[in-house]
Amino acid sequence: MIISDAPSLGEWKALYDAAIEFRNLAPWQWMYDDALFAIEDPDTGQIGYCSVMGALGEFHGLAVFPGEAGWRSLHRLMQDNELSSAAEEERVYGQFALIASFVCLIT
């Protein structure tokens, strides 16, 4: 099956270049996970709610929670209530988000 709207090689390159630029910016050095900001997709007008991760040095990345479903997922994730282990697992692993993470390999 051929997907007609699959990203081109140029689009993949632009995505990887943007990810590398973001990694080099290292916003986890000056932003905390709860410092949220929003971006707007210029093509669709959809809002993405963003969180930079990694201020504690354990994990570096960016999460984008798209649209209303993303906002609900983000809100659910940030709630500070006691949950059963199954509900907590669903809250963490059931996120509606796009996540870019960066791994540092020590050689």
N, C-alpha and C. Protein backbone atom coordinates (compact mmCIF):
# COMPACT_ATOMS: atom_id res chain seq x y z
N MET A 1 0.85 -1.18 0.00
CA MET A 1 0.00 0.00 0.00
C MET A 1 0.89 1.24 0.00
N ILE A 2 0.60 2.18 -0.86
CA ILE A 2 1.35 3.43 -0.95
C ILE A 2 0.55 4.52 -0.25
N ILE A 3 1.21 5.21 0.64
CA ILE A 3 0.56 6.32 1.35
C ILE A 3 0.93 7.60 0.63
N SER A 4 -0.06 8.26 0.05
CA SER A 4 0.22 9.43 -0.79
C SER A 4 0.68 10.65 0.01
N ASP A 5 0.29 10.74 1.27
CA ASP A 5 0.69 11.92 2.04
C ASP A 5 1.85 11.62 2.99
N ALA A 6 2.61 10.56 2.69
CA ALA A 6 3.79 10.25 3.49
C ALA A 6 4.82 11.37 3.34
N PRO A 7 5.56 11.66 4.40
CA PRO A 7 6.57 12.72 4.33
C PRO A 7 7.64 12.41 3.28
N SER A 8 8.08 13.45 2.62
CA SER A 8 9.17 13.31 1.65
C SER A 8 10.50 13.25 2.40
N LEU A 9 11.56 12.89 1.70
CA LEU A 9 12.88 12.88 2.33
C LEU A 9 13.26 14.28 2.81
N GLY A 10 12.89 15.30 2.05
CA GLY A 10 13.16 16.67 2.46
C GLY A 10 12.43 17.04 3.74
N GLU A 11 11.18 16.58 3.87
CA GLU A 11 10.42 16.85 5.09
C GLU A 11 11.04 16.13 6.29
N TRP A 12 11.48 14.88 6.08
CA TRP A 12 12.15 14.16 7.17
C TRP A 12 13.43 14.88 7.58
N LYS A 13 14.18 15.36 6.60
CA LYS A 13 15.43 16.08 6.90
C LYS A 13 15.13 17.34 7.71
N ALA A 14 14.09 18.08 7.31
CA ALA A 14 13.72 19.29 8.04
C ALA A 14 13.33 18.96 9.48
N LEU A 15 12.61 17.85 9.67
CA LEU A 15 12.22 17.43 11.02
C LEU A 15 13.45 17.10 11.86
N TYR A 16 14.35 16.31 11.29
CA TYR A 16 15.57 15.95 12.03
C TYR A 16 16.43 17.18 12.31
N ASP A 17 16.54 18.09 11.36
CA ASP A 17 17.31 19.32 11.58
C ASP A 17 16.71 20.14 12.72
N ALA A 18 15.37 20.24 12.75
CA ALA A 18 14.70 20.98 13.82
C ALA A 18 14.92 20.30 15.17
N ALA A 19 14.88 18.97 15.19
CA ALA A 19 15.11 18.23 16.44
C ALA A 19 16.54 18.45 16.94
N ILE A 20 17.50 18.43 16.04
CA ILE A 20 18.90 18.66 16.44
C ILE A 20 19.07 20.08 16.96
N GLU A 21 18.44 21.04 16.30
CA GLU A 21 18.52 22.43 16.76
C GLU A 21 17.91 22.57 18.15
N PHE A 22 16.76 21.91 18.37
CA PHE A 22 16.11 21.94 19.69
C PHE A 22 17.02 21.32 20.74
N ARG A 23 17.61 20.16 20.42
CA ARG A 23 18.52 19.49 21.36
C ARG A 23 19.70 20.39 21.71
N ASN A 24 20.27 21.04 20.70
CA ASN A 24 21.42 21.92 20.94
C ASN A 24 21.04 23.15 21.76
N LEU A 25 19.80 23.59 21.65
CA LEU A 25 19.31 24.71 22.45
C LEU A 25 19.23 24.32 23.93
N ALA A 26 18.98 23.04 24.20
CA ALA A 26 18.94 22.48 25.57
C ALA A 26 18.03 23.28 26.51
N PRO A 27 16.75 23.47 26.15
CA PRO A 27 15.88 24.27 27.01
C PRO A 27 15.62 23.65 28.38
N TRP A 28 15.91 22.37 28.57
CA TRP A 28 15.75 21.74 29.88
C TRP A 28 16.72 22.32 30.89
N GLN A 29 17.72 23.07 30.41
CA GLN A 29 18.65 23.73 31.33
C GLN A 29 18.06 25.00 31.92
N TRP A 30 17.01 25.54 31.31
CA TRP A 30 16.43 26.78 31.81
C TRP A 30 14.90 26.77 31.86
N MET A 31 14.29 25.62 31.58
CA MET A 31 12.83 25.49 31.69
C MET A 31 12.50 24.25 32.53
N TYR A 32 11.41 24.31 33.26
CA TYR A 32 10.93 23.17 34.04
C TYR A 32 9.76 22.52 33.31
N ASP A 33 9.48 21.27 33.67
CA ASP A 33 8.42 20.50 33.02
C ASP A 33 7.05 21.16 33.11
N ASP A 34 6.82 21.92 34.16
CA ASP A 34 5.50 22.54 34.33
C ASP A 34 5.40 23.93 33.68
N ALA A 35 6.45 24.37 32.99
CA ALA A 35 6.41 25.64 32.25
C ALA A 35 5.86 25.33 30.86
N LEU A 36 4.56 25.40 30.73
CA LEU A 36 3.89 25.02 29.49
C LEU A 36 3.79 26.20 28.54
N PHE A 37 3.79 25.90 27.25
CA PHE A 37 3.55 26.92 26.24
C PHE A 37 2.79 26.27 25.10
N ALA A 38 2.19 27.10 24.27
CA ALA A 38 1.37 26.60 23.16
C ALA A 38 1.94 27.08 21.83
N ILE A 39 1.76 26.24 20.83
CA ILE A 39 2.13 26.59 19.46
C ILE A 39 0.92 26.35 18.57
N GLU A 40 0.86 27.05 17.45
CA GLU A 40 -0.25 26.88 16.52
C GLU A 40 0.29 26.35 15.20
N ASP A 41 -0.34 25.29 14.71
CA ASP A 41 0.00 24.74 13.40
C ASP A 41 -0.48 25.74 12.36
N PRO A 42 0.41 26.32 11.56
CA PRO A 42 0.00 27.34 10.60
C PRO A 42 -0.90 26.79 9.49
N ASP A 43 -0.84 25.49 9.23
CA ASP A 43 -1.67 24.90 8.17
C ASP A 43 -3.08 24.61 8.64
N THR A 44 -3.23 24.12 9.88
CA THR A 44 -4.55 23.69 10.36
C THR A 44 -5.14 24.61 11.42
N GLY A 45 -4.31 25.43 12.05
CA GLY A 45 -4.78 26.26 13.15
C GLY A 45 -4.87 25.51 14.47
N GLN A 46 -4.57 24.21 14.46
CA GLN A 46 -4.64 23.42 15.69
C GLN A 46 -3.55 23.87 16.66
N ILE A 47 -3.92 23.91 17.94
CA ILE A 47 -2.99 24.30 18.99
C ILE A 47 -2.32 23.05 19.54
N GLY A 48 -1.01 23.14 19.77
CA GLY A 48 -0.26 22.08 20.45
C GLY A 48 0.24 22.63 21.76
N TYR A 49 -0.02 21.91 22.84
CA TYR A 49 0.39 22.33 24.18
C TYR A 49 1.70 21.61 24.49
N CYS A 50 2.73 22.36 24.84
CA CYS A 50 4.10 21.82 24.90
C CYS A 50 4.68 21.84 26.30
N SER A 51 5.49 20.82 26.56
CA SER A 51 6.24 20.72 27.81
C SER A 51 7.65 20.25 27.48
N VAL A 52 8.63 21.01 27.95
CA VAL A 52 10.03 20.62 27.82
C VAL A 52 10.35 19.73 29.03
N MET A 53 10.96 18.59 28.78
CA MET A 53 11.26 17.65 29.85
C MET A 53 12.77 17.52 30.03
N GLY A 54 13.19 17.35 31.28
CA GLY A 54 14.60 17.06 31.52
C GLY A 54 15.32 17.94 32.51
N ALA A 55 14.62 18.82 33.22
CA ALA A 55 15.28 19.71 34.17
C ALA A 55 16.03 18.94 35.26
N LEU A 56 15.59 17.73 35.56
CA LEU A 56 16.25 16.93 36.59
C LEU A 56 17.42 16.12 36.03
N GLY A 57 17.61 16.19 34.71
CA GLY A 57 18.75 15.53 34.09
C GLY A 57 18.56 14.05 33.79
N GLU A 58 17.36 13.52 34.01
CA GLU A 58 17.12 12.10 33.80
C GLU A 58 16.67 11.78 32.37
N PHE A 59 16.01 12.71 31.74
CA PHE A 59 15.38 12.49 30.44
C PHE A 59 15.28 13.84 29.76
N HIS A 60 15.72 13.95 28.54
CA HIS A 60 15.62 15.22 27.81
C HIS A 60 14.65 15.04 26.65
N GLY A 61 13.71 15.96 26.52
CA GLY A 61 12.78 15.84 25.42
C GLY A 61 11.76 16.96 25.37
N LEU A 62 10.88 16.83 24.41
CA LEU A 62 9.78 17.76 24.20
C LEU A 62 8.53 16.95 23.95
N ALA A 63 7.46 17.27 24.66
CA ALA A 63 6.16 16.65 24.43
C ALA A 63 5.23 17.71 23.88
N VAL A 64 4.53 17.36 22.81
CA VAL A 64 3.51 18.24 22.23
C VAL A 64 2.19 17.49 22.31
N PHE A 65 1.23 18.08 22.99
CA PHE A 65 -0.10 17.50 23.18
C PHE A 65 -1.04 18.22 22.21
N PRO A 66 -1.42 17.58 21.09
CA PRO A 66 -2.17 18.29 20.04
C PRO A 66 -3.67 18.41 20.32
N GLY A 67 -4.16 19.62 20.10
CA GLY A 67 -5.59 19.88 20.13
C GLY A 67 -6.25 19.69 21.49
N GLU A 68 -7.57 19.63 21.45
CA GLU A 68 -8.37 19.48 22.66
C GLU A 68 -8.08 18.16 23.37
N ALA A 69 -7.93 17.08 22.60
CA ALA A 69 -7.62 15.77 23.20
C ALA A 69 -6.26 15.82 23.88
N GLY A 70 -5.31 16.51 23.28
CA GLY A 70 -3.99 16.67 23.89
C GLY A 70 -4.07 17.46 25.18
N TRP A 71 -4.88 18.53 25.17
CA TRP A 71 -5.04 19.35 26.38
C TRP A 71 -5.62 18.51 27.51
N ARG A 72 -6.64 17.70 27.21
CA ARG A 72 -7.24 16.84 28.24
C ARG A 72 -6.21 15.84 28.77
N SER A 73 -5.42 15.27 27.86
CA SER A 73 -4.39 14.31 28.26
C SER A 73 -3.35 14.98 29.15
N LEU A 74 -2.92 16.17 28.78
CA LEU A 74 -1.94 16.91 29.57
C LEU A 74 -2.50 17.24 30.95
N HIS A 75 -3.74 17.70 30.98
CA HIS A 75 -4.38 18.04 32.25
C HIS A 75 -4.47 16.80 33.15
N ARG A 76 -4.86 15.67 32.58
CA ARG A 76 -4.96 14.42 33.33
C ARG A 76 -3.58 14.01 33.88
N LEU A 77 -2.55 14.19 33.07
CA LEU A 77 -1.19 13.82 33.46
C LEU A 77 -0.69 14.68 34.62
N MET A 78 -1.08 15.94 34.65
CA MET A 78 -0.57 16.87 35.65
C MET A 78 -1.38 16.88 36.94
N GLN A 79 -2.50 16.16 36.97
CA GLN A 79 -3.28 16.10 38.20
C GLN A 79 -2.47 15.43 39.30
N ASP A 80 -2.59 15.96 40.48
CA ASP A 80 -1.81 15.46 41.62
C ASP A 80 -2.72 14.68 42.56
N ASN A 81 -3.34 13.62 42.04
CA ASN A 81 -4.21 12.83 42.89
C ASN A 81 -3.69 11.41 43.02
N GLU A 82 -4.13 10.74 44.06
CA GLU A 82 -3.69 9.36 44.32
C GLU A 82 -4.49 8.42 43.43
N LEU A 83 -3.79 7.59 42.68
CA LEU A 83 -4.44 6.64 41.79
C LEU A 83 -3.93 5.24 42.07
N SER A 84 -4.74 4.26 41.69
CA SER A 84 -4.26 2.89 41.76
C SER A 84 -3.10 2.74 40.77
N SER A 85 -2.31 1.71 40.92
CA SER A 85 -1.17 1.54 40.02
C SER A 85 -1.62 1.38 38.57
N ALA A 86 -2.75 0.70 38.34
CA ALA A 86 -3.26 0.54 36.97
C ALA A 86 -3.71 1.88 36.40
N ALA A 87 -4.38 2.69 37.20
CA ALA A 87 -4.84 4.00 36.73
C ALA A 87 -3.65 4.93 36.49
N GLU A 88 -2.65 4.85 37.35
CA GLU A 88 -1.44 5.67 37.17
C GLU A 88 -0.71 5.25 35.90
N GLU A 89 -0.65 3.96 35.65
CA GLU A 89 -0.01 3.47 34.42
C GLU A 89 -0.76 3.97 33.19
N GLU A 90 -2.09 3.96 33.24
CA GLU A 90 -2.89 4.46 32.12
C GLU A 90 -2.65 5.95 31.93
N ARG A 91 -2.56 6.70 33.02
CA ARG A 91 -2.34 8.14 32.93
C ARG A 91 -0.99 8.44 32.27
N VAL A 92 0.03 7.68 32.60
CA VAL A 92 1.36 7.91 32.05
C VAL A 92 1.47 7.39 30.62
N TYR A 93 1.07 6.14 30.41
CA TYR A 93 1.27 5.52 29.10
C TYR A 93 0.14 5.79 28.11
N GLY A 94 -0.95 6.36 28.58
CA GLY A 94 -2.08 6.66 27.71
C GLY A 94 -2.12 8.10 27.24
N GLN A 95 -0.98 8.76 27.25
CA GLN A 95 -0.93 10.16 26.84
C GLN A 95 -1.24 10.31 25.36
N PHE A 96 -1.92 11.39 25.01
CA PHE A 96 -2.16 11.74 23.62
C PHE A 96 -1.15 12.83 23.28
N ALA A 97 0.04 12.41 22.82
CA ALA A 97 1.13 13.37 22.63
C ALA A 97 2.12 12.85 21.61
N LEU A 98 2.84 13.79 21.04
CA LEU A 98 4.01 13.49 20.22
C LEU A 98 5.21 13.82 21.09
N ILE A 99 6.14 12.88 21.23
CA ILE A 99 7.27 13.09 22.13
C ILE A 99 8.57 12.85 21.38
N ALA A 100 9.45 13.83 21.47
CA ALA A 100 10.81 13.69 20.94
C ALA A 100 11.73 13.59 22.15
N SER A 101 12.53 12.54 22.20
CA SER A 101 13.45 12.38 23.33
C SER A 101 14.87 12.27 22.81
N PHE A 102 15.80 12.67 23.66
CA PHE A 102 17.20 12.71 23.29
C PHE A 102 18.00 11.89 24.29
N VAL A 103 18.81 11.00 23.78
CA VAL A 103 19.62 10.12 24.61
C VAL A 103 21.07 10.52 24.48
N CYS A 104 21.74 10.62 25.60
CA CYS A 104 23.16 10.94 25.60
C CYS A 104 23.92 9.64 25.86
N LEU A 105 24.71 9.23 24.91
CA LEU A 105 25.52 8.03 25.07
C LEU A 105 26.90 8.42 25.55
N ILE A 106 27.33 7.81 26.62
CA ILE A 106 28.66 8.08 27.17
C ILE A 106 29.58 6.99 26.66
N THR A 107 30.67 7.39 26.01
CA THR A 107 31.60 6.39 25.48
C THR A 107 32.91 6.41 26.21
